[in-house]
């Protein structure tokens, strides 16, 4: 019996005990190998692993290291994400679309996203001048203070989405995450945004800083609101949050500033999708509000 045959026999014996993820991973490896017309031996040699090791992986009985998966992906000439179940590998059309869009610049990708949204009825590009204004950015950027001032100036309702989330859940955001987890929080966040959009054709909405982490909810926001990124230096974010007596979510970190900088760096490309940008670190509150007011009124075609 060969090593591969032995692995197949092991798989039959332990089929019921296989972890679903490992079983699906093995199926993807077999499918990709078949699609490329490669034998198991050829892939094993190219990946510099034993044929038995590869057979164990294919039958879902081998918990391969990340380095082995990188080597197998290289041998199969595919991204590691494809082995792990990337959604864009589920059908030939997904693969063809991904190939068309790969290496395109951000401006081209945005045009494609807008066109696709319009085609399938999820909104596409937001019409200029939508009188539902959403303020995005990290905590401490001034969303609550400037948001209330802007709402008063425009005569619009002012909503803090975090408060709306708590109304839905009947408890605080900290309690939602502690009791039900982050996935539940994201569901409440989306529901709160959907209701705000449905009820308020005109409003200023202060958006929780982490909403951009959920692509579907962020896309909903971009489609139905005029978005403004309130930017600030990391030091200003930290100082303002500390002045409020609240160090969440960095209270337990000895390197709070570095944590904040990493969070900001990770979210900045998403915040930058906003139509308008206002730096709240460069000038006093009154001057910052004057700039925000001017930009928003111009965008909404309202007299200054």
Protein backbone atom coordinates (compact mmCIF):
# COMPACT_ATOMS: atom_id res chain seq x y z
CA UNK A 1 0.00 0.00 0.00
CA UNK A 2 1.41 3.42 -0.97
CA UNK A 3 1.57 6.37 1.38
CA UNK A 4 -1.31 7.99 -0.48
CA UNK A 5 -3.40 4.82 -0.28
CA UNK A 6 -2.66 4.63 3.44
CA UNK A 7 -3.82 8.23 3.83
CA UNK A 8 -7.03 7.41 1.97
CA UNK A 9 -7.62 4.47 4.29
CA UNK A 10 -6.99 6.71 7.29
CA UNK A 11 -9.50 9.20 5.89
CA UNK A 12 -12.15 6.49 5.60
CA UNK A 13 -11.56 5.40 9.18
CA UNK A 14 -11.64 8.92 10.56
CA UNK A 15 -14.18 10.49 8.17
CA UNK A 16 -16.69 11.20 10.92
CA UNK A 17 -14.01 12.83 13.08
CA UNK A 18 -12.72 15.25 10.45
CA UNK A 19 -13.09 18.93 11.23
CA UNK A 20 -15.47 20.53 8.68
CA UNK A 21 -12.94 23.22 7.83
CA UNK A 22 -10.17 20.70 7.17
CA UNK A 23 -12.53 18.56 5.08
CA UNK A 24 -13.52 21.61 2.97
CA UNK A 25 -9.87 22.66 2.68
CA UNK A 26 -8.95 19.22 1.39
CA UNK A 27 -11.77 19.30 -1.13
CA UNK A 28 -10.55 22.68 -2.43
CA UNK A 29 -6.99 21.34 -2.82
CA UNK A 30 -8.27 18.33 -4.79
CA UNK A 31 -10.48 20.56 -6.97
CA UNK A 32 -7.67 23.00 -7.74
CA UNK A 33 -5.27 20.17 -8.53
CA UNK A 34 -7.82 18.58 -10.87
CA UNK A 35 -8.57 21.93 -12.52
CA UNK A 36 -4.88 22.33 -13.36
CA UNK A 37 -4.50 18.68 -14.46
CA UNK A 38 -1.75 17.94 -11.93
CA UNK A 39 -1.06 14.66 -10.21
CA UNK A 40 -0.71 14.50 -6.45
CA UNK A 41 2.93 13.53 -6.89
CA UNK A 42 3.63 16.54 -9.10
CA UNK A 43 2.06 18.95 -6.61
CA UNK A 44 3.87 17.31 -3.68
CA UNK A 45 7.21 17.66 -5.47
CA UNK A 46 6.57 21.29 -6.42
CA UNK A 47 5.44 22.11 -2.88
CA UNK A 48 8.41 20.23 -1.38
CA UNK A 49 6.19 18.08 0.85
CA UNK A 50 5.73 14.33 0.96
CA UNK A 51 2.99 12.76 -1.12
CA UNK A 52 1.50 11.27 2.04
CA UNK A 53 1.47 14.72 3.68
CA UNK A 54 -0.40 16.14 0.69
CA UNK A 55 -2.82 13.18 0.68
CA UNK A 56 -3.56 13.77 4.37
CA UNK A 57 -4.28 17.40 3.56
CA UNK A 58 -6.59 16.45 0.68
CA UNK A 59 -8.54 13.98 2.78
CA UNK A 60 -8.93 16.44 5.66
CA UNK A 61 -6.97 14.38 8.19
CA UNK A 62 -3.83 16.53 8.22
CA UNK A 63 -3.68 19.86 10.06
CA UNK A 64 -1.04 21.48 7.86
CA UNK A 65 1.05 24.40 9.02
CA UNK A 66 0.59 27.78 7.40
CA UNK A 67 3.98 27.44 5.69
CA UNK A 68 2.94 24.13 4.12
CA UNK A 69 -0.26 25.76 2.86
CA UNK A 70 1.80 28.58 1.33
CA UNK A 71 3.97 26.00 -0.44
CA UNK A 72 0.93 24.06 -1.70
CA UNK A 73 -0.72 27.26 -2.93
CA UNK A 74 2.46 28.11 -4.82
CA UNK A 75 2.53 24.65 -6.39
CA UNK A 76 -1.12 25.05 -7.44
CA UNK A 77 -0.42 28.57 -8.73
CA UNK A 78 -3.19 30.16 -6.69
CA UNK A 79 -3.38 32.70 -3.84
CA UNK A 80 -3.40 31.31 -0.31
CA UNK A 81 -6.84 32.90 0.13
CA UNK A 82 -8.18 30.60 -2.60
CA UNK A 83 -7.12 27.55 -0.62
CA UNK A 84 -8.75 28.95 2.51
CA UNK A 85 -12.12 29.50 0.83
CA UNK A 86 -12.09 33.06 -0.51
CA UNK A 87 -15.61 33.88 -1.73
CA UNK A 88 -14.21 34.99 -5.10
CA UNK A 89 -13.24 31.41 -5.92
CA UNK A 90 -16.71 29.87 -5.69
CA UNK A 91 -17.53 29.92 -9.38
CA UNK A 92 -15.92 30.62 -12.75
CA UNK A 93 -17.70 34.00 -12.95
CA UNK A 94 -16.24 35.07 -9.61
CA UNK A 95 -12.78 34.06 -10.80
CA UNK A 96 -13.17 35.89 -14.10
CA UNK A 97 -14.38 39.05 -12.35
CA UNK A 98 -11.49 38.90 -9.91
CA UNK A 99 -9.03 38.54 -12.77
CA UNK A 100 -10.54 41.57 -14.54
CA UNK A 101 -10.33 43.74 -11.42
CA UNK A 102 -6.95 42.65 -10.14
CA UNK A 103 -4.30 45.41 -10.16
CA UNK A 104 -6.85 48.13 -11.00
CA UNK A 105 -6.43 51.45 -9.21
CA UNK A 106 -8.81 52.67 -6.50
CA UNK A 107 -10.59 55.16 -8.76
CA UNK A 108 -11.38 52.44 -11.31
CA UNK A 109 -12.58 50.04 -8.61
CA UNK A 110 -14.90 52.73 -7.23
CA UNK A 111 -16.43 53.30 -10.66
CA UNK A 112 -16.97 49.57 -11.02
CA UNK A 113 -18.55 49.36 -7.56
CA UNK A 114 -20.91 52.22 -8.37
CA UNK A 115 -21.84 50.67 -11.71
CA UNK A 116 -22.45 47.26 -10.17
CA UNK A 117 -24.55 48.79 -7.39
CA UNK A 118 -26.71 50.58 -9.95
CA UNK A 119 -27.02 47.41 -12.05
CA UNK A 120 -28.14 45.09 -9.24
CA UNK A 121 -30.24 47.66 -7.41
CA UNK A 122 -28.16 48.20 -4.28
CA UNK A 123 -27.76 51.90 -4.88
CA UNK A 124 -24.53 52.55 -6.73
CA UNK A 125 -23.09 56.00 -6.32
CA UNK A 126 -24.73 58.28 -3.82
CA UNK A 127 -26.52 61.16 -5.50
CA UNK A 128 -24.73 64.45 -4.73
CA UNK A 129 -26.54 66.51 -2.14
CA UNK A 130 -28.20 63.76 -0.11
CA UNK A 131 -29.51 65.67 2.95
CA UNK A 132 -28.69 62.77 5.26
CA UNK A 133 -25.20 63.63 6.52
CA UNK A 134 -23.07 60.95 8.20
CA UNK A 135 -19.97 61.88 10.20
CA UNK A 136 -17.38 59.11 10.31
CA UNK A 137 -13.99 58.78 11.99
CA UNK A 138 -12.37 57.51 15.17
CA UNK A 139 -13.69 58.32 18.62
CA UNK A 140 -12.45 61.71 19.70
CA UNK A 141 -12.70 63.25 16.23
CA UNK A 142 -15.55 65.56 17.30
CA UNK A 143 -18.50 63.74 15.73
CA UNK A 144 -20.88 64.36 18.64
CA UNK A 145 -19.97 68.00 19.22
CA UNK A 146 -19.72 69.05 15.58
CA UNK A 147 -22.65 66.83 14.62
CA UNK A 148 -25.01 68.56 17.03
CA UNK A 149 -23.79 71.99 15.90
CA UNK A 150 -24.29 71.07 12.24
CA UNK A 151 -27.76 69.62 12.85
CA UNK A 152 -28.82 72.79 14.69
CA UNK A 153 -27.49 74.93 11.86
CA UNK A 154 -29.25 72.92 9.15
CA UNK A 155 -32.45 72.38 11.12
CA UNK A 156 -32.02 68.60 10.85
CA UNK A 157 -32.45 65.87 13.43
CA UNK A 158 -29.24 64.75 15.14
CA UNK A 159 -28.68 61.05 15.82
CA UNK A 160 -25.85 59.25 17.55
CA UNK A 161 -26.01 55.80 16.04
CA UNK A 162 -24.44 54.23 19.13
CA UNK A 163 -27.43 55.41 21.20
CA UNK A 164 -29.82 53.99 18.60
CA UNK A 165 -28.01 50.64 18.81
CA UNK A 166 -28.48 50.61 22.57
CA UNK A 167 -32.20 51.30 22.16
CA UNK A 168 -32.53 48.28 19.88
CA UNK A 169 -30.62 46.03 22.24
CA UNK A 170 -32.02 47.35 25.52
CA UNK A 171 -28.53 47.51 27.00
CA UNK A 172 -25.22 49.32 26.57
CA UNK A 173 -22.81 48.62 23.73
CA UNK A 174 -20.29 47.19 26.22
CA UNK A 175 -22.97 44.80 27.48
CA UNK A 176 -23.95 43.79 23.93
CA UNK A 177 -20.38 42.82 23.15
CA UNK A 178 -19.78 41.14 26.51
CA UNK A 179 -23.03 39.14 26.49
CA UNK A 180 -23.61 38.42 22.81
CA UNK A 181 -20.32 39.08 21.01
CA UNK A 182 -19.17 41.31 18.19
CA UNK A 183 -21.29 39.62 15.50
CA UNK A 184 -24.47 40.47 17.42
CA UNK A 185 -23.27 44.04 17.85
CA UNK A 186 -22.73 44.34 14.08
CA UNK A 187 -26.29 43.12 13.45
CA UNK A 188 -27.71 45.74 15.82
CA UNK A 189 -25.52 48.37 14.17
CA UNK A 190 -26.88 47.56 10.72
CA UNK A 191 -30.49 47.52 11.95
CA UNK A 192 -30.01 50.90 13.62
CA UNK A 193 -28.55 52.39 10.44
CA UNK A 194 -31.32 50.93 8.26
CA UNK A 195 -33.98 52.43 10.52
CA UNK A 196 -32.24 55.81 10.63
CA UNK A 197 -32.14 55.88 6.84
CA UNK A 198 -35.79 54.83 6.59
CA UNK A 199 -37.15 57.31 9.14
CA UNK A 200 -34.96 60.38 8.58
CA UNK A 201 -34.70 61.78 5.04
CA UNK A 202 -32.85 64.75 6.58
CA UNK A 203 -30.48 64.16 9.48
CA UNK A 204 -26.96 64.45 10.80
CA UNK A 205 -25.75 61.08 12.08
CA UNK A 206 -22.66 60.46 14.22
CA UNK A 207 -21.37 57.04 13.16
CA UNK A 208 -19.43 54.65 15.45
CA UNK A 209 -15.79 54.51 14.39
CA UNK A 210 -15.76 50.77 13.77
CA UNK A 211 -18.72 50.63 11.39
CA UNK A 212 -16.34 50.69 8.42
CA UNK A 213 -15.14 47.22 9.45
CA UNK A 214 -18.41 45.74 8.15
CA UNK A 215 -18.32 46.13 4.37
CA UNK A 216 -22.06 45.60 3.85
CA UNK A 217 -23.07 48.21 6.44
CA UNK A 218 -20.45 50.67 5.23
CA UNK A 219 -21.67 50.25 1.66
CA UNK A 220 -25.21 51.02 2.87
CA UNK A 221 -23.92 54.18 4.53
CA UNK A 222 -22.02 55.34 1.44
CA UNK A 223 -25.08 54.74 -0.74
CA UNK A 224 -27.64 56.59 1.36
CA UNK A 225 -25.71 59.39 3.07
CA UNK A 226 -23.48 62.33 2.33
CA UNK A 227 -20.38 61.20 4.21
CA UNK A 228 -17.86 63.39 6.03
CA UNK A 229 -14.61 62.10 7.52
CA UNK A 230 -13.68 64.08 10.60
CA UNK A 231 -9.93 63.58 10.76
CA UNK A 232 -7.60 64.22 13.69
CA UNK A 233 -4.05 63.47 14.73
CA UNK A 234 -3.66 60.37 16.93
CA UNK A 235 -2.54 62.54 19.83
CA UNK A 236 -5.74 64.59 19.61
CA UNK A 237 -7.90 61.45 19.49
CA UNK A 238 -6.21 60.13 22.62
CA UNK A 239 -6.35 63.43 24.49
CA UNK A 240 -10.04 64.02 23.74
CA UNK A 241 -11.11 60.49 24.71
CA UNK A 242 -9.08 60.69 27.91
CA UNK A 243 -10.65 64.06 28.73
CA UNK A 244 -14.04 62.35 28.57
CA UNK A 245 -12.82 59.89 31.21
CA UNK A 246 -13.09 56.99 28.79
CA UNK A 247 -10.12 55.00 27.49
CA UNK A 248 -12.08 52.26 25.67
CA UNK A 249 -11.05 50.24 23.77
CA UNK A 250 -7.39 50.74 24.67
CA UNK A 251 -7.56 50.82 28.45
CA UNK A 252 -5.85 47.46 28.91
CA UNK A 253 -2.93 48.23 26.60
CA UNK A 254 0.46 49.45 27.77
CA UNK A 255 1.05 50.86 24.32
CA UNK A 256 -2.22 52.70 23.92
CA UNK A 257 -0.88 55.27 21.48
CA UNK A 258 0.63 52.62 19.23
CA UNK A 259 -2.65 50.69 19.34
CA UNK A 260 -4.56 53.81 18.36
CA UNK A 261 -2.17 54.55 15.50
CA UNK A 262 -2.58 51.01 14.17
CA UNK A 263 -6.37 51.27 14.38
CA UNK A 264 -6.31 54.60 12.56
CA UNK A 265 -3.93 53.30 9.89
CA UNK A 266 -6.15 50.27 9.32
CA UNK A 267 -9.36 52.29 9.02
CA UNK A 268 -8.05 55.38 7.23
CA UNK A 269 -8.41 53.90 3.70
CA UNK A 270 -12.10 53.26 4.46
CA UNK A 271 -12.70 56.64 6.10
CA UNK A 272 -11.10 58.21 3.01
CA UNK A 273 -14.05 56.94 0.93
CA UNK A 274 -16.10 59.78 2.45
CA UNK A 275 -17.08 62.54 0.05
CA UNK A 276 -15.87 65.33 2.33
CA UNK A 277 -12.86 65.50 4.67
CA UNK A 278 -12.44 67.93 7.57
CA UNK A 279 -9.33 67.99 9.75
CA UNK A 280 -10.38 68.79 13.32
CA UNK A 281 -6.79 69.10 14.58
CA UNK A 282 -5.78 72.11 12.54
CA UNK A 283 -7.96 74.86 14.02
CA UNK A 284 -10.18 75.82 17.01
CA UNK A 285 -13.71 74.45 17.30
CA UNK A 286 -15.45 77.51 15.81
CA UNK A 287 -13.16 77.58 12.79
CA UNK A 288 -13.50 73.81 12.31
CA UNK A 289 -17.28 74.08 12.41
CA UNK A 290 -17.21 76.97 9.92
CA UNK A 291 -15.26 74.75 7.50
CA UNK A 292 -17.60 71.80 8.05
CA UNK A 293 -20.66 74.02 7.61
CA UNK A 294 -19.30 75.53 4.39
CA UNK A 295 -18.45 72.15 2.84
CA UNK A 296 -21.74 70.52 3.76
CA UNK A 297 -23.90 73.44 2.68
CA UNK A 298 -22.06 73.58 -0.62
CA UNK A 299 -22.55 69.84 -1.10
CA UNK A 300 -26.26 70.10 -0.29
CA UNK A 301 -26.64 73.20 -2.48
CA UNK A 302 -27.82 75.26 0.51
CA UNK A 303 -27.06 78.98 0.95
CA UNK A 304 -24.22 79.71 3.33
